[in-house]
Amino acid sequence: VGGVGAGGCRETALGALVNMSMAKDSRHAMYLTPGLEKALMDVLDRSLPGSGSLNLGVKVFRNLSDQGGGDNRAQMYKAGLAGKLVCVIKNEQRLNAQGDIVNAALNTLSNLASHNASRPSMLASGGVACVLVDLVSTAEPNSRLLRAALVTLTNLSCHKENRVAMMHMGLADLLVTLTLTATPDSKHLEAALIMLVNMSSMQACRVTMVQGGAGEAAVAVIRACQGGVGHSKNHQIALQIVQNLSASAGTGEILIAQGGLGVALSSASNTDPKVSAVAAGVLSNLALNGRLNGGNVCAILVAHGALSALAPLLSRPERTGLSAAKAAAYLFGIHTPNATAEAIVSLEHPLLAACGGALQRLCEALTHTMDGRELYGVTFDVYELVLAIRLICYRPDNRRILAAEQGPSLLLRVAKERGDEAKVLAV
């Protein structure tokens, strides 16, 4: 435009770099070109907001930090790219120009945030978090800017050090609100749910999140997904939030009141094994905490048909059957808070006999855990496994099954290696 002046030459060169940076296999080698990083940084510093050269410069960084450019991300972050991108976004926002440049800048920030070692300092820097939270608060629903900001924050939430801080920034509340406007199969919703999963995995976040409505929001998403075609992934992720939130002593009755038990029971029969496994995990968490902490949780579970829901799950493979056996075991022999007579679920209940078939998997999970290995992609808790085995083995015929699985020698190993853990040793 206007002849081949300096600006035109710069944009032509940058356009060529954008094209070259699209080759995935050569991205790392390209970024190592002497002087390229400094030249591109200068473009971000000196280009006018909304200009073609700024747009192209940001896109070169986006491409070079994308797939195939993973080795570039740490160097880009170290060189101060995150801070420069924040300035670019703020300057574009002042012009109300929230188009290609802001989107490319957000995509680049998302790539930088996928480098695990950079995540804590990236969040702690303040500027990155502020601009992302502002975008989530103000961007149009279901817009690409909203999705890019959510994906970047989701990447940052993948580091455990960031999760409590992100909750205190008000992100959990913001995401709960966002779930009300997103469609069940939305990628925006998926990013928001994954972030809530990450935050709810932290014990320090759970009670606050439940009180803030995170469980209720997850339940609403599950209900919207149930019966829909192609909604299984967000159904599973939302149910994972409920499972995480149910893993704390003080959340059970609130979650049940918010509908958490209802969606777990209705999801237990889901044909997707990932969904049914998480549903069984919710029931296991509620039953365990109800058993250990008293209250009415176990009585509510039984009254709402938990035993009937668990019975067909015991024979399911992998994590579904294992979690179902744990949940059923934790309910046996429990009394209501004021009861002095019969238990809520008798130790003579036929489901206890059926749980004997799960002893092999429980012993396998215990062996993997003692060896420091995962089973079915999960690390199990020694105390929870030993407690479930003990309760199932109240029946003499189940004790014989345990002996056949070398259970006594395994339990002796636990007593020897975990002797300093009083609650494990007591069981």
Foldseek 3Di string as FASTA:
>chain_A
DPDCDPVNVLLVVLVVLLVVLQPLQCLQVVVPPPPPLVVLVVQLVPPDQPDSSLLSSLSSLLSSLDHSNVVCLVVCVVVPVLVSLLVNLVNCVVVVNCPRNNLSSLSSLLSSLLPQVCLVVSVVVPSLVVVLVVCLVDPDQLDSNNLSSLSSVLSSLVHLVCQVVCVVVVLLLSLLVNLVPDALQRSSVVSSLSSLLSNLLDPVRQVVSLVSCLLLSLQVSLVNQPPDPNNVVSNLSSLSSLLSSLQDLPCQVSSVVSPNLVSLLVQCPPPPVSSNLSSLSNLLSQLQSCLVPPDCSLVVCVVVPVLVSLQVQCPPDFRNNLSSLLNVLSSEPDCHPPDDDDGSHYLPDVVLVVSLVCLLVLLVLLVCLVVVHHGPPDRDDNLSSLSSLVSSVVDVVSVVSCVVSVNVVSLVVCCVVVVVPVSSVVD
